[in-house]
Amino acid sequence: MSKTALITMQPTDQTTGTTIIYAPDNAANRVWAAKQSNVQLISIPGYVRFGDHIVNFSLKKL
């Protein structure tokens, strides 16, 4: 039996037992993950979030 990995920013409740879900670790996902099985929450480092903000801000200015 094979397993499927799902990497998502907006998880849903429509998963199967053979799917492993990787989602960002935030308050909303912690509540959602408590109701699910096969969920791994990923911590995103602060410097990555900051860099993402800077890139998005710069692109909006162009």
N, C-alpha and C. Protein backbone atom coordinates (compact mmCIF):
# COMPACT_ATOMS: atom_id res chain seq x y z
N MET A 1 0.85 -1.17 0.00
CA MET A 1 0.00 0.00 0.00
C MET A 1 0.89 1.24 0.00
N SER A 2 0.60 2.18 -0.85
CA SER A 2 1.41 3.40 -0.93
C SER A 2 0.75 4.51 -0.13
N LYS A 3 1.58 5.46 0.28
CA LYS A 3 1.08 6.62 1.01
C LYS A 3 1.28 7.85 0.15
N THR A 4 0.43 8.83 0.34
CA THR A 4 0.49 10.08 -0.39
C THR A 4 0.84 11.20 0.59
N ALA A 5 1.73 12.10 0.17
CA ALA A 5 2.06 13.27 0.98
C ALA A 5 1.40 14.48 0.36
N LEU A 6 0.74 15.28 1.18
CA LEU A 6 0.05 16.48 0.73
C LEU A 6 0.63 17.66 1.49
N ILE A 7 1.18 18.63 0.75
CA ILE A 7 1.72 19.84 1.36
C ILE A 7 0.77 20.96 0.99
N THR A 8 0.18 21.61 1.98
CA THR A 8 -0.87 22.58 1.71
C THR A 8 -0.78 23.78 2.64
N MET A 9 -1.25 24.90 2.17
CA MET A 9 -1.34 26.10 3.00
C MET A 9 -2.75 26.22 3.60
N GLN A 10 -3.75 25.64 2.93
CA GLN A 10 -5.13 25.70 3.39
C GLN A 10 -5.70 24.28 3.44
N PRO A 11 -5.51 23.59 4.55
CA PRO A 11 -5.98 22.20 4.63
C PRO A 11 -7.50 22.10 4.67
N THR A 12 -8.02 20.96 4.21
CA THR A 12 -9.45 20.69 4.24
C THR A 12 -9.68 19.41 5.02
N ASP A 13 -10.92 19.08 5.24
CA ASP A 13 -11.28 17.88 5.99
C ASP A 13 -11.43 16.65 5.11
N GLN A 14 -11.19 16.77 3.81
CA GLN A 14 -11.40 15.68 2.88
C GLN A 14 -10.10 14.93 2.63
N THR A 15 -9.69 14.11 3.58
CA THR A 15 -8.47 13.34 3.43
C THR A 15 -8.77 11.86 3.66
N THR A 16 -7.82 11.04 3.27
CA THR A 16 -7.97 9.60 3.48
C THR A 16 -6.93 9.14 4.49
N GLY A 17 -7.02 7.92 4.92
CA GLY A 17 -6.09 7.38 5.89
C GLY A 17 -4.69 7.17 5.35
N THR A 18 -4.54 7.16 4.03
CA THR A 18 -3.22 6.94 3.44
C THR A 18 -2.53 8.26 3.07
N THR A 19 -3.11 9.38 3.42
CA THR A 19 -2.54 10.69 3.09
C THR A 19 -1.88 11.30 4.32
N ILE A 20 -0.63 11.72 4.17
CA ILE A 20 0.06 12.46 5.22
C ILE A 20 0.03 13.93 4.82
N ILE A 21 -0.44 14.78 5.70
CA ILE A 21 -0.61 16.19 5.40
C ILE A 21 0.43 17.00 6.14
N TYR A 22 1.12 17.87 5.43
CA TYR A 22 2.07 18.82 6.00
C TYR A 22 1.48 20.21 5.85
N ALA A 23 1.30 20.91 6.95
CA ALA A 23 0.68 22.24 6.93
C ALA A 23 1.46 23.18 7.86
N PRO A 24 1.39 24.49 7.61
CA PRO A 24 2.08 25.44 8.48
C PRO A 24 1.52 25.39 9.90
N ASP A 25 2.38 25.61 10.88
CA ASP A 25 1.99 25.60 12.28
C ASP A 25 1.48 26.98 12.66
N ASN A 26 0.15 27.12 12.73
CA ASN A 26 -0.46 28.35 13.23
C ASN A 26 -1.69 27.96 14.05
N ALA A 27 -2.32 28.94 14.67
CA ALA A 27 -3.43 28.65 15.59
C ALA A 27 -4.58 27.94 14.89
N ALA A 28 -4.95 28.39 13.71
CA ALA A 28 -6.08 27.77 13.00
C ALA A 28 -5.77 26.33 12.61
N ASN A 29 -4.54 26.08 12.17
CA ASN A 29 -4.18 24.72 11.77
C ASN A 29 -4.03 23.80 12.97
N ARG A 30 -3.63 24.33 14.13
CA ARG A 30 -3.54 23.49 15.33
C ARG A 30 -4.91 22.96 15.72
N VAL A 31 -5.94 23.81 15.64
CA VAL A 31 -7.30 23.38 15.96
C VAL A 31 -7.76 22.33 14.96
N TRP A 32 -7.49 22.58 13.68
CA TRP A 32 -7.89 21.64 12.64
C TRP A 32 -7.14 20.31 12.79
N ALA A 33 -5.83 20.37 13.09
CA ALA A 33 -5.01 19.16 13.18
C ALA A 33 -5.41 18.28 14.36
N ALA A 34 -5.97 18.89 15.41
CA ALA A 34 -6.38 18.11 16.57
C ALA A 34 -7.51 17.14 16.21
N LYS A 35 -8.29 17.47 15.18
CA LYS A 35 -9.41 16.63 14.77
C LYS A 35 -9.00 15.59 13.73
N GLN A 36 -7.80 15.69 13.19
CA GLN A 36 -7.34 14.83 12.10
C GLN A 36 -6.29 13.84 12.58
N SER A 37 -6.02 12.86 11.75
CA SER A 37 -4.88 11.99 11.96
C SER A 37 -3.95 12.16 10.76
N ASN A 38 -2.72 11.74 10.90
CA ASN A 38 -1.73 11.82 9.82
C ASN A 38 -1.38 13.26 9.43
N VAL A 39 -1.35 14.18 10.40
CA VAL A 39 -1.04 15.58 10.13
C VAL A 39 0.28 15.94 10.81
N GLN A 40 1.18 16.56 10.05
CA GLN A 40 2.43 17.07 10.58
C GLN A 40 2.43 18.59 10.39
N LEU A 41 2.51 19.33 11.49
CA LEU A 41 2.57 20.78 11.38
C LEU A 41 4.02 21.21 11.26
N ILE A 42 4.29 22.14 10.35
CA ILE A 42 5.64 22.60 10.05
C ILE A 42 5.81 24.02 10.58
N SER A 43 6.85 24.25 11.36
CA SER A 43 7.18 25.59 11.82
C SER A 43 7.96 26.31 10.72
N ILE A 44 7.49 27.50 10.36
CA ILE A 44 8.19 28.31 9.37
C ILE A 44 9.02 29.33 10.12
N PRO A 45 10.35 29.34 9.90
CA PRO A 45 11.22 30.26 10.63
C PRO A 45 10.86 31.73 10.37
N GLY A 46 11.14 32.57 11.33
CA GLY A 46 10.81 33.99 11.22
C GLY A 46 11.50 34.67 10.06
N TYR A 47 12.76 34.30 9.79
CA TYR A 47 13.47 34.95 8.69
C TYR A 47 12.85 34.61 7.34
N VAL A 48 12.23 33.45 7.21
CA VAL A 48 11.55 33.08 5.96
C VAL A 48 10.28 33.90 5.81
N ARG A 49 9.51 34.04 6.89
CA ARG A 49 8.30 34.87 6.83
C ARG A 49 8.64 36.31 6.53
N PHE A 50 9.72 36.84 7.15
CA PHE A 50 10.15 38.21 6.92
C PHE A 50 10.59 38.39 5.47
N GLY A 51 11.39 37.46 4.96
CA GLY A 51 11.83 37.54 3.57
C GLY A 51 10.67 37.48 2.60
N ASP A 52 9.68 36.65 2.89
CA ASP A 52 8.50 36.56 2.05
C ASP A 52 7.76 37.88 2.03
N HIS A 53 7.65 38.51 3.21
CA HIS A 53 6.98 39.81 3.30
C HIS A 53 7.72 40.86 2.47
N ILE A 54 9.05 40.89 2.56
CA ILE A 54 9.86 41.86 1.81
C ILE A 54 9.71 41.64 0.30
N VAL A 55 9.77 40.40 -0.15
CA VAL A 55 9.62 40.11 -1.58
C VAL A 55 8.24 40.51 -2.07
N ASN A 56 7.20 40.17 -1.33
CA ASN A 56 5.85 40.53 -1.74
C ASN A 56 5.66 42.04 -1.76
N PHE A 57 6.19 42.74 -0.77
CA PHE A 57 6.09 44.20 -0.72
C PHE A 57 6.81 44.82 -1.92
N SER A 58 7.99 44.32 -2.23
CA SER A 58 8.78 44.85 -3.36
C SER A 58 8.06 44.61 -4.70
N LEU A 59 7.47 43.45 -4.87
CA LEU A 59 6.78 43.15 -6.11
C LEU A 59 5.53 44.01 -6.27
N LYS A 60 4.84 44.31 -5.17
CA LYS A 60 3.66 45.18 -5.26
C LYS A 60 4.05 46.59 -5.67
N LYS A 61 5.24 47.05 -5.28
CA LYS A 61 5.70 48.39 -5.62
C LYS A 61 6.08 48.51 -7.09
N LEU A 62 6.45 47.40 -7.73
CA LEU A 62 6.83 47.44 -9.14
C LEU A 62 5.63 47.61 -9.97
